[in-house]
C-alpha atoms as a PDB file:
ATOM      1  CA  MET A   1     -73.953  19.917 -43.899  1.00  0.00           C
ATOM      2  CA  PHE A   2     -71.150  16.973 -43.781  1.00  0.00           C
ATOM      3  CA  ASN A   3     -68.797  19.743 -44.655  1.00  0.00           C
ATOM      4  CA  ASN A   4     -69.662  21.743 -41.509  1.00  0.00           C
ATOM      5  CA  ILE A   5     -69.837  18.496 -39.138  1.00  0.00           C
ATOM      6  CA  SER A   6     -65.955  17.967 -40.533  1.00  0.00           C
ATOM      7  CA  LEU A   7     -65.006  21.582 -39.788  1.00  0.00           C
ATOM      8  CA  LYS A   8     -66.617  21.537 -36.337  1.00  0.00           C
ATOM      9  CA  LEU A   9     -64.673  18.073 -35.310  1.00  0.00           C
ATOM     10  CA  LEU A  10     -61.651  19.457 -36.835  1.00  0.00           C
ATOM     11  CA  ILE A  11     -61.863  22.303 -34.690  1.00  0.00           C
ATOM     12  CA  LEU A  12     -62.934  20.382 -31.603  1.00  0.00           C
ATOM     13  CA  SER A  13     -59.741  18.172 -32.482  1.00  0.00           C
ATOM     14  CA  SER A  14     -57.540  20.883 -32.549  1.00  0.00           C
ATOM     15  CA  PHE A  15     -58.621  22.470 -29.271  1.00  0.00           C
ATOM     16  CA  GLY A  16     -58.464  19.280 -27.782  1.00  0.00           C
ATOM     17  CA  LEU A  17     -54.677  18.519 -28.920  1.00  0.00           C
ATOM     18  CA  SER A  18     -53.970  22.345 -27.715  1.00  0.00           C
ATOM     19  CA  LEU A  19     -55.352  21.596 -24.405  1.00  0.00           C
ATOM     20  CA  ILE A  20     -52.989  18.331 -24.156  1.00  0.00           C
ATOM     21  CA  LEU A  21     -50.138  20.134 -25.288  1.00  0.00           C
ATOM     22  CA  TYR A  22     -50.346  22.834 -22.906  1.00  0.00           C
ATOM     23  CA  SER A  23     -50.931  20.496 -20.199  1.00  0.00           C
ATOM     24  CA  GLU A  24     -47.826  18.450 -20.996  1.00  0.00           C
ATOM     25  CA  TYR A  25     -45.993  21.931 -21.149  1.00  0.00           C
ATOM     26  CA  GLN A  26     -47.405  22.866 -17.834  1.00  0.00           C
ATOM     27  CA  GLN A  27     -46.148  19.490 -16.223  1.00  0.00           C
ATOM     28  CA  ILE A  28     -42.641  19.947 -18.181  1.00  0.00           C
ATOM     29  CA  LYS A  29     -42.509  23.538 -16.458  1.00  0.00           C
ATOM     30  CA  ASP A  30     -43.663  22.386 -13.000  1.00  0.00           C
ATOM     31  CA  ARG A  31     -40.945  19.735 -12.891  1.00  0.00           C
ATOM     32  CA  ASN A  32     -38.361  22.406 -12.439  1.00  0.00           C
ATOM     33  CA  ILE A  33     -35.892  20.801 -14.974  1.00  0.00           C
ATOM     34  CA  PRO A  34     -32.453  22.124 -14.306  1.00  0.00           C
ATOM     35  CA  ILE A  35     -30.526  24.224 -16.781  1.00  0.00           C
ATOM     36  CA  PRO A  36     -27.663  22.394 -18.014  1.00  0.00           C
ATOM     37  CA  GLU A  37     -24.194  23.201 -16.613  1.00  0.00           C
ATOM     38  CA  SER A  38     -22.439  25.160 -18.905  1.00  0.00           C
ATOM     39  CA  GLU A  39     -19.588  23.261 -21.029  1.00  0.00           C
ATOM     40  CA  PHE A  40     -17.826  26.495 -22.230  1.00  0.00           C
ATOM     41  CA  PRO A  41     -14.358  26.188 -20.887  1.00  0.00           C
ATOM     42  CA  VAL A  42     -13.619  29.374 -19.683  1.00  0.00           C
ATOM     43  CA  PHE A  43     -10.196  30.877 -19.897  1.00  0.00           C
ATOM     44  CA  ARG A  44      -8.775  34.653 -20.246  1.00  0.00           C
ATOM     45  CA  ILE A  45      -8.344  35.875 -23.799  1.00  0.00           C
ATOM     46  CA  ALA A  46      -5.630  37.874 -25.111  1.00  0.00           C
ATOM     47  CA  HIS A  47      -7.046  40.653 -26.912  1.00  0.00           C
ATOM     48  CA  ALA A  48      -5.973  41.066 -30.612  1.00  0.00           C
ATOM     49  CA  GLY A  49      -2.916  38.652 -29.762  1.00  0.00           C
ATOM     50  CA  GLY A  50      -2.034  40.570 -26.295  1.00  0.00           C
ATOM     51  CA  ASN A  51       0.133  43.521 -25.718  1.00  0.00           C
ATOM     52  CA  VAL A  52       3.767  43.298 -27.422  1.00  0.00           C
ATOM     53  CA  GLY A  53       6.650  45.732 -26.674  1.00  0.00           C
ATOM     54  CA  GLY A  54       4.030  47.972 -25.055  1.00  0.00           C
ATOM     55  CA  GLN A  55       1.910  47.771 -28.465  1.00  0.00           C
ATOM     56  CA  SER A  56      -1.609  46.572 -28.668  1.00  0.00           C
ATOM     57  CA  TYR A  57      -3.517  45.612 -31.653  1.00  0.00           C
ATOM     58  CA  THR A  58      -0.906  44.172 -33.411  1.00  0.00           C
ATOM     59  CA  ASN A  59      -2.614  40.441 -34.174  1.00  0.00           C
ATOM     60  CA  SER A  60       1.176  39.111 -34.837  1.00  0.00           C
ATOM     61  CA  ILE A  61       3.150  36.304 -34.479  1.00  0.00           C
ATOM     62  CA  GLN A  62       5.349  38.198 -32.026  1.00  0.00           C
ATOM     63  CA  ALA A  63       2.548  39.073 -29.655  1.00  0.00           C
ATOM     64  CA  LEU A  64       1.275  35.424 -29.717  1.00  0.00           C
ATOM     65  CA  GLU A  65       4.715  34.142 -28.859  1.00  0.00           C
ATOM     66  CA  VAL A  66       5.252  36.475 -26.070  1.00  0.00           C
ATOM     67  CA  ASN A  67       1.781  35.911 -24.643  1.00  0.00           C
ATOM     68  CA  ALA A  68       1.527  32.209 -25.271  1.00  0.00           C
ATOM     69  CA  GLU A  69       4.809  32.381 -22.815  1.00  0.00           C
ATOM     70  CA  LYS A  70       2.737  34.257 -20.138  1.00  0.00           C
ATOM     71  CA  SER A  71       0.221  31.040 -20.080  1.00  0.00           C
ATOM     72  CA  PHE A  72      -2.442  32.776 -22.193  1.00  0.00           C
ATOM     73  CA  LYS A  73      -4.546  29.797 -23.737  1.00  0.00           C
ATOM     74  CA  TYR A  74      -7.108  31.874 -25.822  1.00  0.00           C
ATOM     75  CA  PHE A  75      -6.286  34.501 -28.420  1.00  0.00           C
ATOM     76  CA  GLU A  76      -8.414  36.828 -29.923  1.00  0.00           C
ATOM     77  CA  ILE A  77      -7.201  37.670 -33.309  1.00  0.00           C
ATOM     78  CA  ASP A  78      -9.027  40.486 -35.759  1.00  0.00           C
ATOM     79  CA  PHE A  79      -9.541  39.484 -39.508  1.00  0.00           C
ATOM     80  CA  SER A  80      -9.743  41.646 -42.216  1.00  0.00           C
ATOM     81  CA  PHE A  81     -10.326  40.846 -46.191  1.00  0.00           C
ATOM     82  CA  THR A  82      -7.537  41.677 -48.662  1.00  0.00           C
ATOM     83  CA  LYS A  83      -8.424  42.933 -51.913  1.00  0.00           C
ATOM     84  CA  ASP A  84      -8.487  39.706 -53.260  1.00  0.00           C
ATOM     85  CA  ASP A  85     -10.934  38.251 -50.926  1.00  0.00           C
ATOM     86  CA  GLN A  86      -8.212  36.639 -48.666  1.00  0.00           C
ATOM     87  CA  LEU A  87      -8.068  36.464 -44.687  1.00  0.00           C
ATOM     88  CA  VAL A  88      -5.180  38.454 -42.866  1.00  0.00           C
ATOM     89  CA  CYS A  89      -4.548  39.252 -39.367  1.00  0.00           C
ATOM     90  CA  LEU A  90      -5.407  42.852 -39.092  1.00  0.00           C
ATOM     91  CA  HIS A  91      -7.532  45.060 -37.199  1.00  0.00           C
ATOM     92  CA  ASN A  92      -8.266  47.470 -40.240  1.00  0.00           C
ATOM     93  CA  TRP A  93      -6.694  49.049 -43.420  1.00  0.00           C
ATOM     94  CA  THR A  94      -6.363  52.505 -42.053  1.00  0.00           C
ATOM     95  CA  SER A  95      -5.168  53.526 -38.813  1.00  0.00           C
ATOM     96  CA  ASN A  96      -4.131  49.863 -37.843  1.00  0.00           C
ATOM     97  CA  PHE A  97      -2.109  49.035 -40.974  1.00  0.00           C
ATOM     98  CA  GLU A  98      -0.373  52.412 -40.929  1.00  0.00           C
ATOM     99  CA  ASP A  99       0.665  51.666 -37.177  1.00  0.00           C
ATOM    100  CA  ILE A 100       2.086  48.162 -38.296  1.00  0.00           C
ATOM    101  CA  PHE A 101       3.529  49.343 -41.709  1.00  0.00           C
ATOM    102  CA  GLY A 102       4.383  53.199 -41.270  1.00  0.00           C
ATOM    103  CA  TYR A 103       2.349  54.285 -44.074  1.00  0.00           C
ATOM    104  CA  ARG A 104      -1.142  54.601 -44.921  1.00  0.00           C
ATOM    105  CA  THR A 105      -2.601  52.824 -47.792  1.00  0.00           C
ATOM    106  CA  LYS A 106      -5.159  54.102 -50.493  1.00  0.00           C
ATOM    107  CA  GLU A 107      -6.945  50.750 -50.754  1.00  0.00           C
ATOM    108  CA  LYS A 108      -6.783  47.121 -49.437  1.00  0.00           C
ATOM    109  CA  LEU A 109      -3.676  44.905 -50.407  1.00  0.00           C
ATOM    110  CA  THR A 110      -3.600  41.719 -51.981  1.00  0.00           C
ATOM    111  CA  LEU A 111      -2.627  38.603 -50.218  1.00  0.00           C
ATOM    112  CA  GLU A 112       0.503  38.597 -52.457  1.00  0.00           C
ATOM    113  CA  GLU A 113       1.096  42.411 -51.700  1.00  0.00           C
ATOM    114  CA  PHE A 114       0.360  41.760 -47.846  1.00  0.00           C
ATOM    115  CA  ASN A 115       3.014  38.700 -47.654  1.00  0.00           C
ATOM    116  CA  TYR A 116       5.736  40.871 -49.714  1.00  0.00           C
ATOM    117  CA  LEU A 117       5.624  43.532 -46.985  1.00  0.00           C
ATOM    118  CA  LEU A 118       5.777  40.656 -44.306  1.00  0.00           C
ATOM    119  CA  ASP A 119       8.848  39.031 -46.064  1.00  0.00           C
ATOM    120  CA  SER A 120      10.729  42.280 -46.696  1.00  0.00           C
ATOM    121  CA  LYS A 121      10.346  43.136 -43.248  1.00  0.00           C
ATOM    122  CA  LYS A 122       8.640  46.241 -43.871  1.00  0.00           C
ATOM    123  CA  GLY A 123       6.387  46.444 -40.756  1.00  0.00           C
ATOM    124  CA  ARG A 124       7.261  46.562 -36.958  1.00  0.00           C
ATOM    125  CA  PHE A 125       5.344  43.306 -36.401  1.00  0.00           C
ATOM    126  CA  GLN A 126       5.219  40.203 -38.406  1.00  0.00           C
ATOM    127  CA  ASN A 127       1.322  40.175 -38.574  1.00  0.00           C
ATOM    128  CA  CYS A 128      -0.270  36.773 -39.249  1.00  0.00           C
ATOM    129  CA  THR A 129      -1.858  35.370 -42.394  1.00  0.00           C
ATOM    130  CA  LEU A 130      -4.303  32.092 -42.429  1.00  0.00           C
ATOM    131  CA  GLU A 131      -1.314  30.199 -43.282  1.00  0.00           C
ATOM    132  CA  SER A 132       1.269  31.382 -40.622  1.00  0.00           C
ATOM    133  CA  LEU A 133      -1.482  31.418 -37.932  1.00  0.00           C
ATOM    134  CA  SER A 134      -2.162  27.656 -38.915  1.00  0.00           C
ATOM    135  CA  TYR A 135       1.610  26.753 -38.697  1.00  0.00           C
ATOM    136  CA  TRP A 136       1.886  28.594 -35.341  1.00  0.00           C
ATOM    137  CA  MET A 137      -0.978  26.740 -33.692  1.00  0.00           C
ATOM    138  CA  LYS A 138       0.524  23.641 -34.498  1.00  0.00           C
ATOM    139  CA  LYS A 139       3.562  24.956 -32.845  1.00  0.00           C
ATOM    140  CA  TYR A 140       1.410  25.605 -29.707  1.00  0.00           C
ATOM    141  CA  PRO A 141      -1.136  22.821 -29.802  1.00  0.00           C
ATOM    142  CA  ASP A 142      -2.938  23.671 -26.664  1.00  0.00           C
ATOM    143  CA  THR A 143      -3.936  27.305 -28.001  1.00  0.00           C
ATOM    144  CA  ILE A 144      -7.435  28.112 -28.897  1.00  0.00           C
ATOM    145  CA  LEU A 145      -8.104  31.033 -31.773  1.00  0.00           C
ATOM    146  CA  VAL A 146     -11.371  33.472 -30.895  1.00  0.00           C
ATOM    147  CA  THR A 147     -12.040  34.799 -34.229  1.00  0.00           C
ATOM    148  CA  ASP A 148     -13.142  38.601 -34.506  1.00  0.00           C
ATOM    149  CA  ALA A 149     -14.088  38.968 -38.377  1.00  0.00           C
ATOM    150  CA  LYS A 150     -14.346  42.807 -39.200  1.00  0.00           C
ATOM    151  CA  GLU A 151     -16.660  42.282 -41.943  1.00  0.00           C
ATOM    152  CA  ARG A 152     -18.483  39.008 -43.723  1.00  0.00           C
ATOM    153  CA  ASN A 153     -18.489  36.964 -40.629  1.00  0.00           C
ATOM    154  CA  LEU A 154     -19.961  33.953 -41.570  1.00  0.00           C
ATOM    155  CA  GLU A 155     -17.945  33.906 -44.981  1.00  0.00           C
ATOM    156  CA  ALA A 156     -14.865  34.607 -42.725  1.00  0.00           C
ATOM    157  CA  LEU A 157     -15.554  31.850 -40.477  1.00  0.00           C
ATOM    158  CA  THR A 158     -15.865  29.012 -43.281  1.00  0.00           C
ATOM    159  CA  MET A 159     -12.566  29.867 -44.626  1.00  0.00           C
ATOM    160  CA  ILE A 160     -11.029  29.876 -41.162  1.00  0.00           C
ATOM    161  CA  PHE A 161     -12.991  26.471 -40.454  1.00  0.00           C
ATOM    162  CA  ASN A 162     -11.408  25.133 -43.720  1.00  0.00           C
ATOM    163  CA  SER A 163      -7.740  26.565 -43.055  1.00  0.00           C
ATOM    164  CA  ILE A 164      -7.215  25.647 -39.359  1.00  0.00           C
ATOM    165  CA  PRO A 165      -6.506  22.311 -38.548  1.00  0.00           C
ATOM    166  CA  HIS A 166      -9.179  20.496 -35.841  1.00  0.00           C
ATOM    167  CA  ALA A 167     -10.950  23.947 -35.808  1.00  0.00           C
ATOM    168  CA  ALA A 168     -14.257  22.572 -34.397  1.00  0.00           C
ATOM    169  CA  ASP A 169     -12.361  22.524 -31.032  1.00  0.00           C
ATOM    170  CA  ARG A 170      -9.516  25.005 -31.499  1.00  0.00           C
ATOM    171  CA  VAL A 171     -11.661  27.896 -32.788  1.00  0.00           C
ATOM    172  CA  ILE A 172     -14.093  29.818 -31.207  1.00  0.00           C
ATOM    173  CA  PRO A 173     -16.096  32.256 -33.681  1.00  0.00           C
ATOM    174  CA  GLN A 174     -17.723  35.206 -32.317  1.00  0.00           C
ATOM    175  CA  ILE A 175     -20.980  35.872 -33.772  1.00  0.00           C
ATOM    176  CA  TYR A 176     -22.336  39.707 -33.750  1.00  0.00           C
ATOM    177  CA  ASN A 177     -26.031  38.710 -34.522  1.00  0.00           C
ATOM    178  CA  PRO A 178     -27.729  35.870 -32.407  1.00  0.00           C
ATOM    179  CA  GLU A 179     -29.497  34.641 -35.625  1.00  0.00           C
ATOM    180  CA  ASP A 180     -25.984  33.141 -36.826  1.00  0.00           C
ATOM    181  CA  PHE A 181     -25.809  31.006 -33.877  1.00  0.00           C
ATOM    182  CA  TYR A 182     -27.156  27.896 -35.658  1.00  0.00           C
ATOM    183  CA  THR A 183     -25.179  28.815 -39.100  1.00  0.00           C
ATOM    184  CA  VAL A 184     -22.096  28.726 -37.135  1.00  0.00           C
ATOM    185  CA  ARG A 185     -22.976  25.086 -35.576  1.00  0.00           C
ATOM    186  CA  GLU A 186     -23.697  24.133 -39.253  1.00  0.00           C
ATOM    187  CA  ILE A 187     -20.060  25.304 -40.233  1.00  0.00           C
ATOM    188  CA  GLY A 188     -18.772  22.605 -37.611  1.00  0.00           C
ATOM    189  CA  PHE A 189     -17.905  24.812 -34.737  1.00  0.00           C
ATOM    190  CA  ASN A 190     -18.333  23.070 -31.205  1.00  0.00           C
ATOM    191  CA  TYR A 191     -18.213  26.410 -29.193  1.00  0.00           C
ATOM    192  CA  VAL A 192     -19.613  29.930 -30.088  1.00  0.00           C
ATOM    193  CA  ILE A 193     -19.151  33.520 -28.237  1.00  0.00           C
ATOM    194  CA  TRP A 194     -21.681  36.101 -29.168  1.00  0.00           C
ATOM    195  CA  THR A 195     -20.332  39.301 -28.695  1.00  0.00           C
ATOM    196  CA  LEU A 196     -22.722  42.191 -27.939  1.00  0.00           C
ATOM    197  CA  TYR A 197     -20.597  45.236 -29.224  1.00  0.00           C
ATOM    198  CA  LYS A 198     -22.532  45.781 -32.190  1.00  0.00           C
ATOM    199  CA  PHE A 199     -25.943  44.574 -30.698  1.00  0.00           C
ATOM    200  CA  LYS A 200     -27.824  47.471 -29.752  1.00  0.00           C
ATOM    201  CA  GLU A 201     -31.152  45.711 -28.190  1.00  0.00           C
ATOM    202  CA  ASP A 202     -31.628  45.985 -24.647  1.00  0.00           C
ATOM    203  CA  ASP A 203     -30.632  43.180 -21.741  1.00  0.00           C
ATOM    204  CA  LYS A 204     -34.361  41.389 -21.970  1.00  0.00           C
ATOM    205  CA  THR A 205     -33.885  40.769 -25.764  1.00  0.00           C
ATOM    206  CA  VAL A 206     -29.989  39.445 -24.942  1.00  0.00           C
ATOM    207  CA  LEU A 207     -31.563  37.031 -22.281  1.00  0.00           C
ATOM    208  CA  SER A 208     -34.478  36.216 -24.526  1.00  0.00           C
ATOM    209  CA  TRP A 209     -32.058  34.992 -26.995  1.00  0.00           C
ATOM    210  CA  ALA A 210     -29.365  33.466 -24.900  1.00  0.00           C
ATOM    211  CA  LYS A 211     -32.028  31.012 -23.506  1.00  0.00           C
ATOM    212  CA  GLN A 212     -32.438  29.547 -27.047  1.00  0.00           C
ATOM    213  CA  PHE A 213     -28.700  28.717 -27.144  1.00  0.00           C
ATOM    214  CA  ASP A 214     -26.968  25.379 -25.959  1.00  0.00           C
ATOM    215  CA  ASN A 215     -24.642  25.021 -23.131  1.00  0.00           C
ATOM    216  CA  LYS A 216     -21.299  25.390 -25.324  1.00  0.00           C
ATOM    217  CA  VAL A 217     -21.760  29.391 -25.633  1.00  0.00           C
ATOM    218  CA  ALA A 218     -20.328  32.210 -23.738  1.00  0.00           C
ATOM    219  CA  VAL A 219     -21.433  36.068 -24.092  1.00  0.00           C
ATOM    220  CA  THR A 220     -18.963  38.807 -24.201  1.00  0.00           C
ATOM    221  CA  MET A 221     -19.819  42.638 -23.753  1.00  0.00           C
ATOM    222  CA  PRO A 222     -18.463  45.938 -23.422  1.00  0.00           C
ATOM    223  CA  LEU A 223     -17.999  47.651 -20.147  1.00  0.00           C
ATOM    224  CA  TYR A 224     -20.949  49.553 -19.810  1.00  0.00           C
ATOM    225  CA  ARG A 225     -23.125  46.204 -20.193  1.00  0.00           C
ATOM    226  CA  ALA A 226     -20.936  44.521 -17.832  1.00  0.00           C
ATOM    227  CA  ASN A 227     -21.612  47.070 -15.176  1.00  0.00           C
ATOM    228  CA  THR A 228     -25.373  45.992 -15.101  1.00  0.00           C
ATOM    229  CA  THR A 229     -27.313  43.062 -13.633  1.00  0.00           C
ATOM    230  CA  LEU A 230     -26.748  41.194 -17.118  1.00  0.00           C
ATOM    231  CA  PRO A 231     -23.751  38.938 -16.204  1.00  0.00           C
ATOM    232  CA  LYS A 232     -25.590  37.609 -13.163  1.00  0.00           C
ATOM    233  CA  GLU A 233     -28.793  37.066 -15.076  1.00  0.00           C
ATOM    234  CA  LEU A 234     -26.772  34.931 -17.660  1.00  0.00           C
ATOM    235  CA  ASN A 235     -24.999  33.313 -14.603  1.00  0.00           C
ATOM    236  CA  LYS A 236     -28.626  31.972 -13.695  1.00  0.00           C
ATOM    237  CA  LEU A 237     -28.485  30.459 -17.059  1.00  0.00           C
ATOM    238  CA  ASN A 238     -25.330  28.712 -16.882  1.00  0.00           C
ATOM    239  CA  ILE A 239     -23.729  30.988 -19.482  1.00  0.00           C
ATOM    240  CA  PRO A 240     -20.573  32.486 -18.674  1.00  0.00           C
ATOM    241  CA  SER A 241     -19.651  36.184 -19.549  1.00  0.00           C
ATOM    242  CA  TYR A 242     -16.657  38.010 -20.362  1.00  0.00           C
ATOM    243  CA  SER A 243     -15.812  42.175 -20.858  1.00  0.00           C
ATOM    244  CA  HIS A 244     -13.609  43.724 -22.963  1.00  0.00           C
ATOM    245  CA  THR A 245     -11.331  45.404 -23.150  1.00  0.00           C
ATOM    246  CA  ILE A 246     -10.241  45.000 -19.338  1.00  0.00           C
ATOM    247  CA  ASN A 247      -6.338  46.218 -18.281  1.00  0.00           C
ATOM    248  CA  ASP A 248      -6.990  47.373 -14.746  1.00  0.00           C
ATOM    249  CA  LEU A 249      -6.855  44.515 -12.243  1.00  0.00           C
ATOM    250  CA  ASN A 250      -8.955  46.182  -9.751  1.00  0.00           C
ATOM    251  CA  LEU A 251     -11.638  46.921 -12.532  1.00  0.00           C
ATOM    252  CA  PHE A 252     -11.451  43.044 -13.449  1.00  0.00           C
ATOM    253  CA  LYS A 253     -12.146  42.075  -9.642  1.00  0.00           C
ATOM    254  CA  TYR A 254     -14.886  44.779  -9.668  1.00  0.00           C
ATOM    255  CA  LEU A 255     -16.570  43.179 -12.803  1.00  0.00           C
ATOM    256  CA  GLN A 256     -16.105  39.438 -10.975  1.00  0.00           C
ATOM    257  CA  GLN A 257     -18.402  40.777  -8.290  1.00  0.00           C
ATOM    258  CA  LYS A 258     -20.955  41.940 -10.999  1.00  0.00           C
ATOM    259  CA  GLY A 259     -20.834  38.364 -12.385  1.00  0.00           C
ATOM    260  CA  ILE A 260     -18.581  38.636 -15.164  1.00  0.00           C
ATOM    261  CA  SER A 261     -16.603  35.096 -15.310  1.00  0.00           C
ATOM    262  CA  GLU A 262     -13.606  36.646 -17.222  1.00  0.00           C
ATOM    263  CA  ILE A 263     -12.180  38.955 -19.658  1.00  0.00           C
ATOM    264  CA  TYR A 264     -10.426  39.981 -22.668  1.00  0.00           C
ATOM    265  CA  THR A 265      -6.996  41.870 -21.814  1.00  0.00           C
ATOM    266  CA  ASP A 266      -3.799  43.100 -23.504  1.00  0.00           C
ATOM    267  CA  ILE A 267      -1.726  42.812 -20.200  1.00  0.00           C
ATOM    268  CA  ILE A 268      -3.323  40.907 -17.409  1.00  0.00           C
ATOM    269  CA  GLN A 269      -1.859  37.547 -17.456  1.00  0.00           C
ATOM    270  CA  PRO A 270      -3.431  34.609 -16.039  1.00  0.00           C
ATOM    271  CA  SER A 271      -2.388  32.588 -13.353  1.00  0.00           C
ATOM    272  CA  PRO A 272       0.119  29.913 -14.512  1.00  0.00           C
ATOM    273  CA  PRO A 273      -1.254  26.526 -14.586  1.00  0.00           C
ATOM    274  CA  GLU A 274      -0.732  24.476 -11.452  1.00  0.00           C
ATOM    275  CA  SER A 275       2.024  21.677 -12.077  1.00  0.00           C
END
C-alpha cells in the first residue's frame, strides 16, 4: 500500500512540475523576446584566395597578395592532407594539383615533397602551407581566414587553430554538419560558417538547426538554395547568409533581393573601405 501511495504522489508531483514548466514556457513565449542581433561581421569572401592572373582555385600566396590589395578582408582557403597527415593549401590532389604543378601525381605527397616543389619553383603558383599562411597573416594583420577542409574537418580545424596566431578571432571555420557546431566552439573559434553544399536535408531542417545556434554564425549555400526563401527566413533569425561561387555582379544584386547578405567570389572585388 505504501509503495502505491508513494508512486501516486510521485506521478502527481511530476505532473505538477510539468504544468509549472509549461506555464513558464508559455510566459516566455508570450513575451516575444527579441532574437539577438547578429554579431557575425559580414565581408565579401575571396574564393580559394581569389583570382590571380586569370586563374581560380590556386590557394596561393600570389592570390592572397593580389586580392588583399583589392580590399578583400576574408579569404577562403582549401586544405588537403598530405601523405604524412600535414595540411597544405590545395583543393585536391588530382586535377587541381595537375593545374598547379603541371603533372598528375599517383598519390598524395608528403609535406617535405610538397615544399620541395614549392622551393624549386616547379609550380605556376606558390601554394601556401600552414607555416607560410601563418607568416602571411602576420604580414596582413587585418585579414581573416575562412577554412574549407576537404577531409577530416575537425582534425584539420584543430591543427589550424594550433598553427595560426590568434585563431579564435582570425580564423572562421566552415562546418559541413550542424552537429559539429559546438565541437568547433570547444576547439576555441569565436565565429562559425555552416556551409550547405554537402548538407542534403530540406530548408525546414536547416532552419531548425539554425535556431539552435548563437549570434556569431553565418550560413553559406550554393546558388540553387540561395534562389529560394531560405535566405529571407535566415534573416528573420538575424543570421547572415552567403552564396557561392558568384562571379556576375548582376546575379549578386539579384541574390541580395532574395535576402543573401554577401558572396564568395573569384573576381568581384569589394568596395574599398572609406578613409
